[in-house]
C-alpha cells in the first residue's frame, strides 16, 4: 500500500490493528486463551560443584602399584 498523506496513514494503521485484533480473536476461539508455559519448562539442571583438588587416593596412594598396602601402612601414610 502506498500512503500519500498522514490521514491515509492513520486510517491504514487503524484498519490494520482491527484486522490483527480480529485474527487474534478467531485464533483464541479455536485454541483457547493464551497461557504461560509453566514451571516445568524452566527447570534446568544446575551446575554441580566438586572439590578442585585431587584426593590422596587419586595420586599418592597409587604411585607405586607394585607395593602391597596393608591396613597398618595405610594408617601411617594418611597421618
N, C-alpha and C. Protein backbone atom coordinates (compact mmCIF):
# COMPACT_ATOMS: atom_id res chain seq x y z
N UNK A 1 0.85 -1.18 0.00
CA UNK A 1 0.00 0.00 0.00
C UNK A 1 0.88 1.23 0.00
N UNK A 2 0.51 2.17 -0.81
CA UNK A 2 1.24 3.43 -0.85
C UNK A 2 0.41 4.50 -0.18
N UNK A 3 1.02 5.20 0.77
CA UNK A 3 0.34 6.22 1.54
C UNK A 3 0.80 7.59 1.03
N UNK A 4 -0.20 8.48 0.76
CA UNK A 4 0.13 9.80 0.24
C UNK A 4 0.18 10.88 1.32
N UNK A 5 -0.64 10.72 2.37
CA UNK A 5 -0.65 11.74 3.41
C UNK A 5 -0.87 11.09 4.78
N UNK A 6 -0.86 11.92 5.80
CA UNK A 6 -0.94 11.43 7.18
C UNK A 6 -2.30 10.82 7.50
N UNK A 7 -3.37 11.40 6.96
CA UNK A 7 -4.71 10.87 7.24
C UNK A 7 -4.85 9.44 6.71
N UNK A 8 -4.33 9.20 5.52
CA UNK A 8 -4.39 7.84 4.95
C UNK A 8 -3.55 6.88 5.79
N UNK A 9 -2.42 7.36 6.28
CA UNK A 9 -1.57 6.52 7.10
C UNK A 9 -2.27 6.14 8.41
N UNK A 10 -2.91 7.11 9.07
CA UNK A 10 -3.62 6.82 10.31
C UNK A 10 -4.78 5.86 10.08
N UNK A 11 -5.48 6.05 8.99
CA UNK A 11 -6.59 5.16 8.65
C UNK A 11 -6.07 3.74 8.38
N UNK A 12 -4.97 3.66 7.66
CA UNK A 12 -4.39 2.36 7.33
C UNK A 12 -3.95 1.62 8.60
N UNK A 13 -3.32 2.35 9.53
CA UNK A 13 -2.85 1.73 10.77
C UNK A 13 -4.03 1.28 11.62
N UNK A 14 -5.09 2.09 11.70
CA UNK A 14 -6.27 1.71 12.49
C UNK A 14 -6.93 0.46 11.91
N UNK A 15 -7.05 0.40 10.58
CA UNK A 15 -7.65 -0.79 9.96
C UNK A 15 -6.78 -2.03 10.17
N UNK A 16 -5.48 -1.84 10.09
CA UNK A 16 -4.56 -2.96 10.28
C UNK A 16 -4.66 -3.51 11.70
N UNK A 17 -4.78 -2.61 12.68
CA UNK A 17 -4.91 -3.03 14.08
C UNK A 17 -6.22 -3.79 14.30
N UNK A 18 -7.30 -3.31 13.70
CA UNK A 18 -8.59 -4.00 13.82
C UNK A 18 -8.50 -5.39 13.20
N UNK A 19 -7.86 -5.47 12.05
CA UNK A 19 -7.73 -6.75 11.36
C UNK A 19 -6.89 -7.73 12.20
N UNK A 20 -5.78 -7.24 12.76
CA UNK A 20 -4.92 -8.09 13.59
C UNK A 20 -5.66 -8.54 14.85
N UNK A 21 -6.45 -7.64 15.45
CA UNK A 21 -7.23 -7.99 16.63
C UNK A 21 -8.27 -9.03 16.33
N UNK A 22 -8.91 -8.91 15.18
CA UNK A 22 -9.93 -9.89 14.79
C UNK A 22 -9.29 -11.26 14.55
N UNK A 23 -8.12 -11.28 13.90
CA UNK A 23 -7.43 -12.56 13.68
C UNK A 23 -7.05 -13.21 15.01
N UNK A 24 -6.60 -12.39 15.96
CA UNK A 24 -6.25 -12.92 17.27
C UNK A 24 -7.48 -13.48 17.97
N UNK A 25 -8.59 -12.80 17.84
CA UNK A 25 -9.85 -13.26 18.43
C UNK A 25 -10.26 -14.61 17.85
N UNK A 26 -10.15 -14.74 16.53
CA UNK A 26 -10.51 -16.00 15.88
C UNK A 26 -9.59 -17.14 16.34
N UNK A 27 -8.31 -16.88 16.45
CA UNK A 27 -7.36 -17.91 16.90
C UNK A 27 -7.66 -18.29 18.35
N UNK A 28 -7.99 -17.31 19.19
CA UNK A 28 -8.29 -17.59 20.59
C UNK A 28 -9.57 -18.42 20.72
N UNK A 29 -10.52 -18.23 19.81
CA UNK A 29 -11.74 -19.05 19.85
C UNK A 29 -11.40 -20.51 19.57
N UNK A 30 -10.46 -20.75 18.68
CA UNK A 30 -10.12 -22.12 18.30
C UNK A 30 -9.22 -22.78 19.35
N UNK A 31 -8.14 -22.11 19.74
CA UNK A 31 -7.13 -22.72 20.59
C UNK A 31 -7.26 -22.36 22.07
N UNK A 32 -8.13 -21.46 22.42
CA UNK A 32 -8.28 -21.05 23.82
C UNK A 32 -7.40 -19.85 24.13
N UNK A 33 -7.56 -19.38 25.35
CA UNK A 33 -6.81 -18.18 25.76
C UNK A 33 -5.32 -18.48 25.90
N UNK A 34 -4.51 -17.42 25.84
CA UNK A 34 -3.06 -17.57 26.00
C UNK A 34 -2.75 -17.97 27.43
N UNK A 35 -1.78 -18.84 27.59
CA UNK A 35 -1.37 -19.30 28.91
C UNK A 35 0.14 -19.24 29.01
N UNK A 36 0.62 -19.24 30.24
CA UNK A 36 2.05 -19.32 30.48
C UNK A 36 2.57 -20.71 30.18
N UNK A 37 3.89 -20.83 30.09
CA UNK A 37 4.47 -22.13 29.78
C UNK A 37 4.51 -23.03 31.01
N UNK A 38 4.47 -22.48 32.20
CA UNK A 38 4.55 -23.29 33.41
C UNK A 38 5.99 -23.47 33.87
N UNK A 39 6.15 -23.98 35.07
CA UNK A 39 7.48 -24.10 35.65
C UNK A 39 8.28 -25.26 35.07
N UNK A 40 7.63 -26.28 34.55
CA UNK A 40 8.40 -27.44 34.11
C UNK A 40 9.28 -27.13 32.91
N UNK A 41 8.99 -26.06 32.18
CA UNK A 41 9.84 -25.68 31.06
C UNK A 41 11.06 -24.90 31.53
N UNK A 42 11.03 -24.40 32.75
CA UNK A 42 12.14 -23.61 33.25
C UNK A 42 13.09 -24.42 34.12
N UNK A 43 12.73 -25.67 34.45
CA UNK A 43 13.58 -26.48 35.31
C UNK A 43 14.74 -27.02 34.49
N UNK A 44 15.92 -26.51 34.76
CA UNK A 44 17.12 -26.96 34.07
C UNK A 44 18.12 -27.44 35.12
N UNK A 45 18.97 -28.39 34.79
CA UNK A 45 19.93 -28.86 35.79
C UNK A 45 20.91 -27.77 36.17
N UNK A 46 21.16 -27.67 37.45
CA UNK A 46 22.07 -26.65 37.94
C UNK A 46 23.51 -27.15 37.88
N UNK A 47 24.43 -26.24 37.89
CA UNK A 47 25.84 -26.59 37.85
C UNK A 47 26.24 -27.22 39.18
N UNK A 48 26.88 -28.37 39.11
CA UNK A 48 27.34 -29.04 40.31
C UNK A 48 28.76 -28.57 40.64
N UNK A 49 29.05 -28.42 41.92
CA UNK A 49 30.40 -28.01 42.32
C UNK A 49 31.06 -29.18 43.00
N UNK A 50 32.30 -29.42 42.65
CA UNK A 50 33.06 -30.50 43.23
C UNK A 50 34.37 -29.94 43.77
N UNK A 51 35.07 -30.77 44.54
CA UNK A 51 36.35 -30.36 45.09
C UNK A 51 37.34 -30.14 43.95
N UNK A 52 38.11 -29.08 44.03
CA UNK A 52 39.03 -28.73 42.96
C UNK A 52 40.41 -29.38 43.13
N UNK A 53 40.67 -30.04 44.27
CA UNK A 53 41.97 -30.66 44.48
C UNK A 53 41.85 -32.17 44.36
N UNK A 54 42.97 -32.80 44.10
CA UNK A 54 42.98 -34.25 43.94
C UNK A 54 43.20 -34.90 45.30
N UNK A 55 42.42 -35.91 45.56
CA UNK A 55 42.47 -36.58 46.85
C UNK A 55 43.70 -37.47 46.97
N UNK A 56 43.94 -37.94 48.19
CA UNK A 56 45.07 -38.82 48.46
C UNK A 56 44.97 -40.10 47.65
N UNK A 57 43.77 -40.67 47.55
CA UNK A 57 43.63 -41.94 46.83
C UNK A 57 43.78 -41.76 45.33
N UNK A 58 43.73 -40.53 44.84
CA UNK A 58 43.88 -40.29 43.41
C UNK A 58 45.34 -40.32 42.97
N UNK A 59 46.26 -39.83 43.81
CA UNK A 59 47.65 -39.72 43.35
C UNK A 59 48.66 -40.43 44.25
N UNK A 60 48.81 -40.03 45.51
CA UNK A 60 49.91 -40.56 46.33
C UNK A 60 49.76 -42.03 46.65
N UNK A 61 48.57 -42.50 46.88
CA UNK A 61 48.39 -43.89 47.29
C UNK A 61 48.80 -44.86 46.20
N UNK A 62 48.65 -44.47 44.94
CA UNK A 62 48.90 -45.41 43.85
C UNK A 62 50.18 -45.10 43.07
N UNK A 63 51.10 -44.34 43.65
CA UNK A 63 52.34 -44.01 42.94
C UNK A 63 53.12 -45.26 42.55
N UNK A 64 53.20 -46.20 43.45
CA UNK A 64 53.93 -47.42 43.16
C UNK A 64 52.95 -48.58 43.28
N UNK A 65 52.47 -49.08 42.17
CA UNK A 65 51.46 -50.14 42.20
C UNK A 65 52.02 -51.50 42.58
N UNK A 66 53.34 -51.64 42.54
CA UNK A 66 53.91 -52.95 42.85
C UNK A 66 53.87 -53.23 44.35
N UNK A 67 53.78 -52.21 45.17
CA UNK A 67 53.75 -52.43 46.62
C UNK A 67 52.36 -52.88 47.05
N UNK A 68 52.36 -53.75 48.05
CA UNK A 68 51.10 -54.20 48.63
C UNK A 68 50.89 -53.44 49.93
N UNK A 69 49.79 -52.75 50.03
CA UNK A 69 49.48 -51.99 51.24
C UNK A 69 48.62 -52.85 52.16
N UNK A 70 48.93 -52.79 53.43
CA UNK A 70 48.03 -53.37 54.41
C UNK A 70 47.48 -52.23 55.26
N UNK A 71 46.64 -52.56 56.20
CA UNK A 71 45.94 -51.53 56.97
C UNK A 71 46.91 -50.67 57.78
N UNK A 72 47.94 -51.26 58.33
CA UNK A 72 48.90 -50.51 59.15
C UNK A 72 49.65 -49.49 58.30
N UNK A 73 50.06 -49.88 57.08
CA UNK A 73 50.77 -48.96 56.23
C UNK A 73 49.89 -47.81 55.80
N UNK A 74 48.65 -48.09 55.50
CA UNK A 74 47.72 -47.03 55.10
C UNK A 74 47.52 -46.02 56.23
N UNK A 75 47.45 -46.50 57.46
CA UNK A 75 47.30 -45.59 58.59
C UNK A 75 48.51 -44.68 58.72
N UNK A 76 49.71 -45.24 58.47
CA UNK A 76 50.93 -44.44 58.55
C UNK A 76 50.97 -43.38 57.44
N UNK A 77 50.59 -43.76 56.24
CA UNK A 77 50.66 -42.86 55.09
C UNK A 77 49.66 -41.72 55.23
N UNK A 78 48.49 -42.01 55.74
CA UNK A 78 47.47 -40.98 55.82
C UNK A 78 47.72 -40.00 56.94
N UNK A 79 48.51 -40.39 57.94
CA UNK A 79 48.79 -39.45 59.04
C UNK A 79 49.89 -38.55 58.63
